[in-house]
Amino acid sequence: MKPKFITSDKVVVYITTYKGQLFKGVAKCNSSDEFDLEFGKKLAKYRADLAINETILREVRFAKYISLTVLPRFSNSWHKDCILAEKHQLNRIRLLKKRIKELIDGATNK
């Protein structure tokens, strides 16, 4: 499925897929705020990206668990790779949360 935006009233929804699983990010405009489509699109996309990266983190943590419990004698390098991947995903999640916060703070300070 090709990623797409759906807008209705003061709501923007971004829909995308990762490994066949559907993800969506939603941005709802406060009734007292002026609706900004570009802001809504950016926020909805960031939120969907955050959900995807949290899913990837769960997959990496599961792989790390498997490397320690099921395949310990075969997986020393695999376990190290999982640790690096976990750190990478945590950094991506922190960055996305920071971008979301900055975007929202920037809009409220206007």
PDB file of N, CA and C in Angstrom:
ATOM      1  N   MET A   1       0.839  -1.187   0.000  1.00  0.00           N
ATOM      2  CA  MET A   1       0.000   0.000   0.000  1.00  0.00           C
ATOM      3  C   MET A   1       0.877   1.240   0.000  1.00  0.00           C
ATOM      4  N   LYS A   2       0.533   2.162  -0.825  1.00  0.00           N
ATOM      5  CA  LYS A   2       1.261   3.417  -0.902  1.00  0.00           C
ATOM      6  C   LYS A   2       0.824   4.322   0.264  1.00  0.00           C
ATOM      7  N   PRO A   3       1.788   4.953   0.955  1.00  0.00           N
ATOM      8  CA  PRO A   3       1.407   5.859   2.058  1.00  0.00           C
ATOM      9  C   PRO A   3       0.477   6.967   1.576  1.00  0.00           C
ATOM     10  N   LYS A   4      -0.477   7.340   2.428  1.00  0.00           N
ATOM     11  CA  LYS A   4      -1.396   8.405   2.025  1.00  0.00           C
ATOM     12  C   LYS A   4      -1.899   9.179   3.230  1.00  0.00           C
ATOM     13  N   PHE A   5      -2.329  10.400   2.948  1.00  0.00           N
ATOM     14  CA  PHE A   5      -2.939  11.261   3.954  1.00  0.00           C
ATOM     15  C   PHE A   5      -4.441  11.300   3.715  1.00  0.00           C
ATOM     16  N   ILE A   6      -5.189  11.298   4.799  1.00  0.00           N
ATOM     17  CA  ILE A   6      -6.635  11.473   4.740  1.00  0.00           C
ATOM     18  C   ILE A   6      -6.966  12.654   5.648  1.00  0.00           C
ATOM     19  N   THR A   7      -7.712  13.600   5.135  1.00  0.00           N
ATOM     20  CA  THR A   7      -8.091  14.759   5.951  1.00  0.00           C
ATOM     21  C   THR A   7      -9.610  14.845   6.041  1.00  0.00           C
ATOM     22  N   SER A   8     -10.048  15.256   7.210  1.00  0.00           N
ATOM     23  CA  SER A   8     -11.471  15.441   7.445  1.00  0.00           C
ATOM     24  C   SER A   8     -11.628  16.473   8.551  1.00  0.00           C
ATOM     25  N   ASP A   9     -12.387  17.498   8.295  1.00  0.00           N
ATOM     26  CA  ASP A   9     -12.565  18.581   9.252  1.00  0.00           C
ATOM     27  C   ASP A   9     -11.197  19.078   9.745  1.00  0.00           C
ATOM     28  N   LYS A  10     -10.923  18.919  11.024  1.00  0.00           N
ATOM     29  CA  LYS A  10      -9.649  19.370  11.598  1.00  0.00           C
ATOM     30  C   LYS A  10      -8.779  18.186  12.000  1.00  0.00           C
ATOM     31  N   VAL A  11      -8.847  17.098  11.221  1.00  0.00           N
ATOM     32  CA  VAL A  11      -8.081  15.884  11.513  1.00  0.00           C
ATOM     33  C   VAL A  11      -7.299  15.473  10.275  1.00  0.00           C
ATOM     34  N   VAL A  12      -6.030  15.108  10.492  1.00  0.00           N
ATOM     35  CA  VAL A  12      -5.189  14.572   9.423  1.00  0.00           C
ATOM     36  C   VAL A  12      -4.719  13.188   9.871  1.00  0.00           C
ATOM     37  N   VAL A  13      -4.900  12.206   9.005  1.00  0.00           N
ATOM     38  CA  VAL A  13      -4.465  10.842   9.289  1.00  0.00           C
ATOM     39  C   VAL A  13      -3.468  10.436   8.207  1.00  0.00           C
ATOM     40  N   TYR A  14      -2.327   9.904   8.641  1.00  0.00           N
ATOM     41  CA  TYR A  14      -1.318   9.380   7.721  1.00  0.00           C
ATOM     42  C   TYR A  14      -1.334   7.872   7.859  1.00  0.00           C
ATOM     43  N   ILE A  15      -1.515   7.174   6.750  1.00  0.00           N
ATOM     44  CA  ILE A  15      -1.578   5.712   6.760  1.00  0.00           C
ATOM     45  C   ILE A  15      -0.432   5.163   5.915  1.00  0.00           C
ATOM     46  N   THR A  16       0.288   4.205   6.477  1.00  0.00           N
ATOM     47  CA  THR A  16       1.398   3.566   5.782  1.00  0.00           C
ATOM     48  C   THR A  16       1.513   2.126   6.254  1.00  0.00           C
ATOM     49  N   THR A  17       2.407   1.368   5.641  1.00  0.00           N
ATOM     50  CA  THR A  17       2.612  -0.018   6.056  1.00  0.00           C
ATOM     51  C   THR A  17       4.086  -0.279   6.312  1.00  0.00           C
ATOM     52  N   TYR A  18       4.333  -1.275   7.152  1.00  0.00           N
ATOM     53  CA  TYR A  18       5.676  -1.787   7.407  1.00  0.00           C
ATOM     54  C   TYR A  18       5.541  -3.296   7.555  1.00  0.00           C
ATOM     55  N   LYS A  19       6.231  -4.030   6.705  1.00  0.00           N
ATOM     56  CA  LYS A  19       6.159  -5.504   6.698  1.00  0.00           C
ATOM     57  C   LYS A  19       4.706  -5.991   6.635  1.00  0.00           C
ATOM     58  N   GLY A  20       3.918  -5.326   5.829  1.00  0.00           N
ATOM     59  CA  GLY A  20       2.531  -5.733   5.643  1.00  0.00           C
ATOM     60  C   GLY A  20       1.575  -5.294   6.746  1.00  0.00           C
ATOM     61  N   GLN A  21       2.092  -4.676   7.785  1.00  0.00           N
ATOM     62  CA  GLN A  21       1.249  -4.214   8.893  1.00  0.00           C
ATOM     63  C   GLN A  21       0.897  -2.749   8.686  1.00  0.00           C
ATOM     64  N   LEU A  22      -0.339  -2.416   8.935  1.00  0.00           N
ATOM     65  CA  LEU A  22      -0.835  -1.057   8.744  1.00  0.00           C
ATOM     66  C   LEU A  22      -0.508  -0.185   9.954  1.00  0.00           C
ATOM     67  N   PHE A  23      -0.016   1.019   9.692  1.00  0.00           N
ATOM     68  CA  PHE A  23       0.267   1.987  10.756  1.00  0.00           C
ATOM     69  C   PHE A  23      -0.384   3.306  10.392  1.00  0.00           C
ATOM     70  N   LYS A  24      -0.826   4.011  11.420  1.00  0.00           N
ATOM     71  CA  LYS A  24      -1.404   5.326  11.169  1.00  0.00           C
ATOM     72  C   LYS A  24      -0.933   6.309  12.227  1.00  0.00           C
ATOM     73  N   GLY A  25      -0.825   7.538  11.803  1.00  0.00           N
ATOM     74  CA  GLY A  25      -0.538   8.645  12.695  1.00  0.00           C
ATOM     75  C   GLY A  25      -1.680   9.632  12.564  1.00  0.00           C
ATOM     76  N   VAL A  26      -2.125  10.155  13.681  1.00  0.00           N
ATOM     77  CA  VAL A  26      -3.281  11.048  13.691  1.00  0.00           C
ATOM     78  C   VAL A  26      -2.893  12.383  14.298  1.00  0.00           C
ATOM     79  N   ALA A  27      -3.314  13.450  13.650  1.00  0.00           N
ATOM     80  CA  ALA A  27      -3.135  14.800  14.183  1.00  0.00           C
ATOM     81  C   ALA A  27      -4.508  15.466  14.216  1.00  0.00           C
ATOM     82  N   LYS A  28      -4.945  15.816  15.406  1.00  0.00           N
ATOM     83  CA  LYS A  28      -6.245  16.470  15.578  1.00  0.00           C
ATOM     84  C   LYS A  28      -6.007  17.911  15.997  1.00  0.00           C
ATOM     85  N   CYS A  29      -6.672  18.804  15.336  1.00  0.00           N
ATOM     86  CA  CYS A  29      -6.550  20.221  15.662  1.00  0.00           C
ATOM     87  C   CYS A  29      -7.496  20.555  16.812  1.00  0.00           C
ATOM     88  N   ASN A  30      -6.963  21.280  17.778  1.00  0.00           N
ATOM     89  CA  ASN A  30      -7.779  21.753  18.889  1.00  0.00           C
ATOM     90  C   ASN A  30      -8.852  22.687  18.327  1.00  0.00           C
ATOM     91  N   SER A  31     -10.037  22.626  18.879  1.00  0.00           N
ATOM     92  CA  SER A  31     -11.152  23.444  18.356  1.00  0.00           C
ATOM     93  C   SER A  31     -10.875  24.941  18.465  1.00  0.00           C
ATOM     94  N   SER A  32     -10.000  25.337  19.376  1.00  0.00           N
ATOM     95  CA  SER A  32      -9.698  26.768  19.527  1.00  0.00           C
ATOM     96  C   SER A  32      -8.538  27.214  18.633  1.00  0.00           C
ATOM     97  N   ASP A  33      -7.882  26.267  17.947  1.00  0.00           N
ATOM     98  CA  ASP A  33      -6.749  26.601  17.081  1.00  0.00           C
ATOM     99  C   ASP A  33      -7.188  26.705  15.625  1.00  0.00           C
ATOM    100  N   GLU A  34      -6.361  27.395  14.852  1.00  0.00           N
ATOM    101  CA  GLU A  34      -6.595  27.480  13.410  1.00  0.00           C
ATOM    102  C   GLU A  34      -5.993  26.245  12.746  1.00  0.00           C
ATOM    103  N   PHE A  35      -6.738  25.616  11.855  1.00  0.00           N
ATOM    104  CA  PHE A  35      -6.290  24.399  11.190  1.00  0.00           C
ATOM    105  C   PHE A  35      -5.179  24.721  10.192  1.00  0.00           C
ATOM    106  N   ASP A  36      -4.090  23.968  10.272  1.00  0.00           N
ATOM    107  CA  ASP A  36      -2.955  24.107   9.364  1.00  0.00           C
ATOM    108  C   ASP A  36      -2.669  22.732   8.774  1.00  0.00           C
ATOM    109  N   LEU A  37      -3.000  22.542   7.500  1.00  0.00           N
ATOM    110  CA  LEU A  37      -2.875  21.240   6.857  1.00  0.00           C
ATOM    111  C   LEU A  37      -1.437  20.734   6.852  1.00  0.00           C
ATOM    112  N   GLU A  38      -0.480  21.588   6.512  1.00  0.00           N
ATOM    113  CA  GLU A  38       0.925  21.155   6.453  1.00  0.00           C
ATOM    114  C   GLU A  38       1.439  20.730   7.829  1.00  0.00           C
ATOM    115  N   PHE A  39       1.079  21.469   8.851  1.00  0.00           N
ATOM    116  CA  PHE A  39       1.444  21.107  10.222  1.00  0.00           C
ATOM    117  C   PHE A  39       0.838  19.746  10.574  1.00  0.00           C
ATOM    118  N   GLY A  40      -0.435  19.568  10.255  1.00  0.00           N
ATOM    119  CA  GLY A  40      -1.125  18.311  10.543  1.00  0.00           C
ATOM    120  C   GLY A  40      -0.490  17.130   9.824  1.00  0.00           C
ATOM    121  N   LYS A  41      -0.105  17.328   8.567  1.00  0.00           N
ATOM    122  CA  LYS A  41       0.542  16.260   7.805  1.00  0.00           C
ATOM    123  C   LYS A  41       1.875  15.868   8.430  1.00  0.00           C
ATOM    124  N   LYS A  42       2.656  16.872   8.808  1.00  0.00           N
ATOM    125  CA  LYS A  42       3.967  16.604   9.404  1.00  0.00           C
ATOM    126  C   LYS A  42       3.819  15.855  10.729  1.00  0.00           C
ATOM    127  N   LEU A  43       2.896  16.311  11.568  1.00  0.00           N
ATOM    128  CA  LEU A  43       2.680  15.686  12.866  1.00  0.00           C
ATOM    129  C   LEU A  43       2.152  14.255  12.715  1.00  0.00           C
ATOM    130  N   ALA A  44       1.207  14.056  11.817  1.00  0.00           N
ATOM    131  CA  ALA A  44       0.652  12.717  11.604  1.00  0.00           C
ATOM    132  C   ALA A  44       1.723  11.757  11.085  1.00  0.00           C
ATOM    133  N   LYS A  45       2.572  12.230  10.179  1.00  0.00           N
ATOM    134  CA  LYS A  45       3.646  11.379   9.648  1.00  0.00           C
ATOM    135  C   LYS A  45       4.651  11.023  10.743  1.00  0.00           C
ATOM    136  N   TYR A  46       5.045  11.995  11.551  1.00  0.00           N
ATOM    137  CA  TYR A  46       5.960  11.719  12.664  1.00  0.00           C
ATOM    138  C   TYR A  46       5.366  10.673  13.609  1.00  0.00           C
ATOM    139  N   ARG A  47       4.084  10.789  13.896  1.00  0.00           N
ATOM    140  CA  ARG A  47       3.449   9.841  14.822  1.00  0.00           C
ATOM    141  C   ARG A  47       3.389   8.431  14.236  1.00  0.00           C
ATOM    142  N   ALA A  48       3.125   8.316  12.941  1.00  0.00           N
ATOM    143  CA  ALA A  48       3.141   7.000  12.299  1.00  0.00           C
ATOM    144  C   ALA A  48       4.559   6.433  12.293  1.00  0.00           C
ATOM    145  N   ASP A  49       5.545   7.267  11.987  1.00  0.00           N
ATOM    146  CA  ASP A  49       6.943   6.834  12.001  1.00  0.00           C
ATOM    147  C   ASP A  49       7.356   6.368  13.401  1.00  0.00           C
ATOM    148  N   LEU A  50       6.875   7.056  14.415  1.00  0.00           N
ATOM    149  CA  LEU A  50       7.168   6.662  15.795  1.00  0.00           C
ATOM    150  C   LEU A  50       6.589   5.275  16.086  1.00  0.00           C
ATOM    151  N   ALA A  51       5.362   5.034  15.659  1.00  0.00           N
ATOM    152  CA  ALA A  51       4.736   3.726  15.877  1.00  0.00           C
ATOM    153  C   ALA A  51       5.510   2.620  15.159  1.00  0.00           C
ATOM    154  N   ILE A  52       5.973   2.889  13.950  1.00  0.00           N
ATOM    155  CA  ILE A  52       6.761   1.901  13.205  1.00  0.00           C
ATOM    156  C   ILE A  52       8.068   1.620  13.930  1.00  0.00           C
ATOM    157  N   ASN A  53       8.750   2.667  14.377  1.00  0.00           N
ATOM    158  CA  ASN A  53      10.029   2.476  15.053  1.00  0.00           C
ATOM    159  C   ASN A  53       9.872   1.777  16.397  1.00  0.00           C
ATOM    160  N   GLU A  54       8.768   1.982  17.082  1.00  0.00           N
ATOM    161  CA  GLU A  54       8.512   1.242  18.320  1.00  0.00           C
ATOM    162  C   GLU A  54       8.273  -0.239  18.019  1.00  0.00           C
ATOM    163  N   THR A  55       7.648  -0.533  16.902  1.00  0.00           N
ATOM    164  CA  THR A  55       7.460  -1.922  16.477  1.00  0.00           C
ATOM    165  C   THR A  55       8.801  -2.564  16.138  1.00  0.00           C
ATOM    166  N   ILE A  56       9.647  -1.848  15.425  1.00  0.00           N
ATOM    167  CA  ILE A  56      10.973  -2.362  15.087  1.00  0.00           C
ATOM    168  C   ILE A  56      11.768  -2.629  16.360  1.00  0.00           C
ATOM    169  N   LEU A  57      11.668  -1.732  17.343  1.00  0.00           N
ATOM    170  CA  LEU A  57      12.359  -1.932  18.615  1.00  0.00           C
ATOM    171  C   LEU A  57      11.900  -3.220  19.295  1.00  0.00           C
ATOM    172  N   ARG A  58      10.592  -3.480  19.286  1.00  0.00           N
ATOM    173  CA  ARG A  58      10.088  -4.733  19.869  1.00  0.00           C
ATOM    174  C   ARG A  58      10.656  -5.948  19.132  1.00  0.00           C
ATOM    175  N   GLU A  59      10.761  -5.858  17.798  1.00  0.00           N
ATOM    176  CA  GLU A  59      11.329  -6.955  17.011  1.00  0.00           C
ATOM    177  C   GLU A  59      12.801  -7.180  17.365  1.00  0.00           C
ATOM    178  N   VAL A  60      13.530  -6.090  17.506  1.00  0.00           N
ATOM    179  CA  VAL A  60      14.958  -6.186  17.855  1.00  0.00           C
ATOM    180  C   VAL A  60      15.119  -6.786  19.244  1.00  0.00           C
ATOM    181  N   ARG A  61      14.292  -6.357  20.178  1.00  0.00           N
ATOM    182  CA  ARG A  61      14.382  -6.900  21.538  1.00  0.00           C
ATOM    183  C   ARG A  61      14.013  -8.381  21.572  1.00  0.00           C
ATOM    184  N   PHE A  62      13.075  -8.787  20.750  1.00  0.00           N
ATOM    185  CA  PHE A  62      12.734 -10.203  20.669  1.00  0.00           C
ATOM    186  C   PHE A  62      13.915 -11.000  20.097  1.00  0.00           C
ATOM    187  N   ALA A  63      14.542 -10.465  19.053  1.00  0.00           N
ATOM    188  CA  ALA A  63      15.713 -11.134  18.468  1.00  0.00           C
ATOM    189  C   ALA A  63      16.842 -11.231  19.492  1.00  0.00           C
ATOM    190  N   LYS A  64      17.006 -10.173  20.284  1.00  0.00           N
ATOM    191  CA  LYS A  64      18.035 -10.198  21.332  1.00  0.00           C
ATOM    192  C   LYS A  64      17.724 -11.269  22.370  1.00  0.00           C
ATOM    193  N   TYR A  65      16.453 -11.391  22.739  1.00  0.00           N
ATOM    194  CA  TYR A  65      16.031 -12.417  23.692  1.00  0.00           C
ATOM    195  C   TYR A  65      16.313 -13.810  23.118  1.00  0.00           C
ATOM    196  N   ILE A  66      15.978 -14.028  21.861  1.00  0.00           N
ATOM    197  CA  ILE A  66      16.231 -15.319  21.208  1.00  0.00           C
ATOM    198  C   ILE A  66      17.722 -15.619  21.188  1.00  0.00           C
ATOM    199  N   SER A  67      18.531 -14.593  20.908  1.00  0.00           N
ATOM    200  CA  SER A  67      19.982 -14.813  20.837  1.00  0.00           C
ATOM    201  C   SER A  67      20.556 -15.219  22.197  1.00  0.00           C
ATOM    202  N   LEU A  68      19.909 -14.820  23.261  1.00  0.00           N
ATOM    203  CA  LEU A  68      20.393 -15.163  24.606  1.00  0.00           C
ATOM    204  C   LEU A  68      19.833 -16.479  25.132  1.00  0.00           C
ATOM    205  N   THR A  69      18.613 -16.807  24.772  1.00  0.00           N
ATOM    206  CA  THR A  69      17.953 -17.962  25.390  1.00  0.00           C
ATOM    207  C   THR A  69      17.920 -19.197  24.510  1.00  0.00           C
ATOM    208  N   VAL A  70      17.618 -19.027  23.234  1.00  0.00           N
ATOM    209  CA  VAL A  70      17.414 -20.177  22.362  1.00  0.00           C
ATOM    210  C   VAL A  70      18.707 -20.600  21.660  1.00  0.00           C
ATOM    211  N   LEU A  71      19.482 -19.632  21.239  1.00  0.00           N
ATOM    212  CA  LEU A  71      20.680 -19.930  20.459  1.00  0.00           C
ATOM    213  C   LEU A  71      21.961 -19.367  21.086  1.00  0.00           C
ATOM    214  N   PRO A  72      22.165 -19.531  22.379  1.00  0.00           N
ATOM    215  CA  PRO A  72      23.300 -18.844  23.011  1.00  0.00           C
ATOM    216  C   PRO A  72      24.671 -19.237  22.478  1.00  0.00           C
ATOM    217  N   ARG A  73      24.870 -20.473  22.128  1.00  0.00           N
ATOM    218  CA  ARG A  73      26.224 -20.858  21.703  1.00  0.00           C
ATOM    219  C   ARG A  73      26.525 -20.485  20.253  1.00  0.00           C
ATOM    220  N   PHE A  74      25.510 -20.139  19.468  1.00  0.00           N
ATOM    221  CA  PHE A  74      25.718 -19.772  18.072  1.00  0.00           C
ATOM    222  C   PHE A  74      25.670 -18.268  17.826  1.00  0.00           C
ATOM    223  N   SER A  75      25.281 -17.519  18.834  1.00  0.00           N
ATOM    224  CA  SER A  75      24.821 -16.168  18.524  1.00  0.00           C
ATOM    225  C   SER A  75      25.576 -15.034  19.193  1.00  0.00           C
ATOM    226  N   ASN A  76      26.822 -15.200  19.523  1.00  0.00           N
ATOM    227  CA  ASN A  76      27.543 -14.104  20.184  1.00  0.00           C
ATOM    228  C   ASN A  76      27.564 -12.848  19.309  1.00  0.00           C
ATOM    229  N   SER A  77      27.917 -12.987  18.043  1.00  0.00           N
ATOM    230  CA  SER A  77      27.947 -11.802  17.167  1.00  0.00           C
ATOM    231  C   SER A  77      26.533 -11.311  16.876  1.00  0.00           C
ATOM    232  N   TRP A  78      25.577 -12.236  16.778  1.00  0.00           N
ATOM    233  CA  TRP A  78      24.189 -11.845  16.552  1.00  0.00           C
ATOM    234  C   TRP A  78      23.681 -11.031  17.734  1.00  0.00           C
ATOM    235  N   HIS A  79      24.018 -11.452  18.928  1.00  0.00           N
ATOM    236  CA  HIS A  79      23.602 -10.722  20.130  1.00  0.00           C
ATOM    237  C   HIS A  79      24.195  -9.304  20.126  1.00  0.00           C
ATOM    238  N   LYS A  80      25.462  -9.190  19.772  1.00  0.00           N
ATOM    239  CA  LYS A  80      26.092  -7.858  19.701  1.00  0.00           C
ATOM    240  C   LYS A  80      25.399  -6.989  18.656  1.00  0.00           C
ATOM    241  N   ASP A  81      25.058  -7.594  17.523  1.00  0.00           N
ATOM    242  CA  ASP A  81      24.325  -6.845  16.492  1.00  0.00           C
ATOM    243  C   ASP A  81      22.973  -6.378  17.003  1.00  0.00           C
ATOM    244  N   CYS A  82      22.315  -7.235  17.778  1.00  0.00           N
ATOM    245  CA  CYS A  82      21.008  -6.876  18.352  1.00  0.00           C
ATOM    246  C   CYS A  82      21.147  -5.706  19.331  1.00  0.00           C
ATOM    247  N   ILE A  83      22.203  -5.707  20.119  1.00  0.00           N
ATOM    248  CA  ILE A  83      22.426  -4.612  21.067  1.00  0.00           C
ATOM    249  C   ILE A  83      22.632  -3.295  20.313  1.00  0.00           C
ATOM    250  N   LEU A  84      23.425  -3.337  19.250  1.00  0.00           N
ATOM    251  CA  LEU A  84      23.647  -2.124  18.443  1.00  0.00           C
ATOM    252  C   LEU A  84      22.353  -1.668  17.777  1.00  0.00           C
ATOM    253  N   ALA A  85      21.580  -2.613  17.257  1.00  0.00           N
ATOM    254  CA  ALA A  85      20.307  -2.267  16.620  1.00  0.00           C
ATOM    255  C   ALA A  85      19.336  -1.666  17.632  1.00  0.00           C
ATOM    256  N   GLU A  86      19.341  -2.204  18.847  1.00  0.00           N
ATOM    257  CA  GLU A  86      18.475  -1.671  19.897  1.00  0.00           C
ATOM    258  C   GLU A  86      18.850  -0.226  20.226  1.00  0.00           C
ATOM    259  N   LYS A  87      20.144   0.035  20.365  1.00  0.00           N
ATOM    260  CA  LYS A  87      20.592   1.413  20.638  1.00  0.00           C
ATOM    261  C   LYS A  87      20.197   2.345  19.506  1.00  0.00           C
ATOM    262  N   HIS A  88      20.348   1.869  18.270  1.00  0.00           N
ATOM    263  CA  HIS A  88      19.985   2.673  17.105  1.00  0.00           C
ATOM    264  C   HIS A  88      18.491   3.003  17.123  1.00  0.00           C
ATOM    265  N   GLN A  89      17.654   2.001  17.399  1.00  0.00           N
ATOM    266  CA  GLN A  89      16.214   2.233  17.434  1.00  0.00           C
ATOM    267  C   GLN A  89      15.813   3.160  18.566  1.00  0.00           C
ATOM    268  N   LEU A  90      16.441   3.013  19.723  1.00  0.00           N
ATOM    269  CA  LEU A  90      16.146   3.917  20.837  1.00  0.00           C
ATOM    270  C   LEU A  90      16.493   5.356  20.475  1.00  0.00           C
ATOM    271  N   ASN A  91      17.602   5.543  19.780  1.00  0.00           N
ATOM    272  CA  ASN A  91      17.978   6.896  19.345  1.00  0.00           C
ATOM    273  C   ASN A  91      16.984   7.446  18.335  1.00  0.00           C
ATOM    274  N   ARG A  92      16.522   6.607  17.403  1.00  0.00           N
ATOM    275  CA  ARG A  92      15.527   7.056  16.414  1.00  0.00           C
ATOM    276  C   ARG A  92      14.227   7.452  17.118  1.00  0.00           C
ATOM    277  N   ILE A  93      13.821   6.667  18.106  1.00  0.00           N
ATOM    278  CA  ILE A  93      12.584   6.966  18.837  1.00  0.00           C
ATOM    279  C   ILE A  93      12.730   8.270  19.618  1.00  0.00           C
ATOM    280  N   ARG A  94      13.872   8.457  20.288  1.00  0.00           N
ATOM    281  CA  ARG A  94      14.114   9.716  21.010  1.00  0.00           C
ATOM    282  C   ARG A  94      14.062  10.910  20.059  1.00  0.00           C
ATOM    283  N   LEU A  95      14.680  10.760  18.878  1.00  0.00           N
ATOM    284  CA  LEU A  95      14.687  11.837  17.897  1.00  0.00           C
ATOM    285  C   LEU A  95      13.274  12.157  17.415  1.00  0.00           C
ATOM    286  N   LEU A  96      12.487  11.136  17.112  1.00  0.00           N
ATOM    287  CA  LEU A  96      11.114  11.376  16.663  1.00  0.00           C
ATOM    288  C   LEU A  96      10.280  12.040  17.748  1.00  0.00           C
ATOM    289  N   LYS A  97      10.420  11.595  18.996  1.00  0.00           N
ATOM    290  CA  LYS A  97       9.682  12.228  20.099  1.00  0.00           C
ATOM    291  C   LYS A  97      10.098  13.684  20.266  1.00  0.00           C
ATOM    292  N   LYS A  98      11.389  13.949  20.107  1.00  0.00           N
ATOM    293  CA  LYS A  98      11.892  15.321  20.201  1.00  0.00           C
ATOM    294  C   LYS A  98      11.316  16.174  19.077  1.00  0.00           C
ATOM    295  N   ARG A  99      11.285  15.628  17.855  1.00  0.00           N
ATOM    296  CA  ARG A  99      10.727  16.378  16.721  1.00  0.00           C
ATOM    297  C   ARG A  99       9.248  16.668  16.921  1.00  0.00           C
ATOM    298  N   ILE A 100       8.513  15.686  17.439  1.00  0.00           N
ATOM    299  CA  ILE A 100       7.085  15.892  17.700  1.00  0.00           C
ATOM    300  C   ILE A 100       6.902  16.993  18.742  1.00  0.00           C
ATOM    301  N   LYS A 101       7.675  16.930  19.811  1.00  0.00           N
ATOM    302  CA  LYS A 101       7.578  17.951  20.865  1.00  0.00           C
ATOM    303  C   LYS A 101       7.926  19.335  20.319  1.00  0.00           C
ATOM    304  N   GLU A 102       9.003  19.428  19.549  1.00  0.00           N
ATOM    305  CA  GLU A 102       9.407  20.713  18.974  1.00  0.00           C
ATOM    306  C   GLU A 102       8.351  21.256  18.025  1.00  0.00           C
ATOM    307  N   LEU A 103       7.758  20.373  17.238  1.00  0.00           N
ATOM    308  CA  LEU A 103       6.716  20.795  16.292  1.00  0.00           C
ATOM    309  C   LEU A 103       5.521  21.347  17.045  1.00  0.00           C
ATOM    310  N   ILE A 104       5.091  20.637  18.080  1.00  0.00           N
ATOM    311  CA  ILE A 104       3.930  21.081  18.859  1.00  0.00           C
ATOM    312  C   ILE A 104       4.259  22.351  19.633  1.00  0.00           C
ATOM    313  N   ASP A 105       5.447  22.401  20.262  1.00  0.00           N
ATOM    314  CA  ASP A 105       5.849  23.601  21.008  1.00  0.00           C
ATOM    315  C   ASP A 105       5.954  24.803  20.086  1.00  0.00           C
ATOM    316  N   GLY A 106       6.484  24.594  18.884  1.00  0.00           N
ATOM    317  CA  GLY A 106       6.605  25.681  17.920  1.00  0.00           C
ATOM    318  C   GLY A 106       5.247  26.213  17.492  1.00  0.00           C
ATOM    319  N   ALA A 107       4.266  25.347  17.388  1.00  0.00           N
ATOM    320  CA  ALA A 107       2.927  25.767  16.982  1.00  0.00           C
ATOM    321  C   ALA A 107       2.224  26.491  18.115  1.00  0.00           C
ATOM    322  N   THR A 108       2.462  26.087  19.362  1.00  0.00           N
ATOM    323  CA  THR A 108       1.800  26.748  20.483  1.00  0.00           C
ATOM    324  C   THR A 108       2.418  28.086  20.816  1.00  0.00           C
ATOM    325  N   ASN A 109       3.666  28.281  20.392  1.00  0.00           N
ATOM    326  CA  ASN A 109       4.348  29.545  20.674  1.00  0.00           C
ATOM    327  C   ASN A 109       4.102  30.615  19.619  1.00  0.00           C
ATOM    328  N   LYS A 110       3.332  30.293  18.582  1.00  0.00           N
ATOM    329  CA  LYS A 110       3.055  31.268  17.517  1.00  0.00           C
ATOM    330  C   LYS A 110       2.106  32.323  17.997  1.00  0.00           C
TER     331      LYS A 110
END
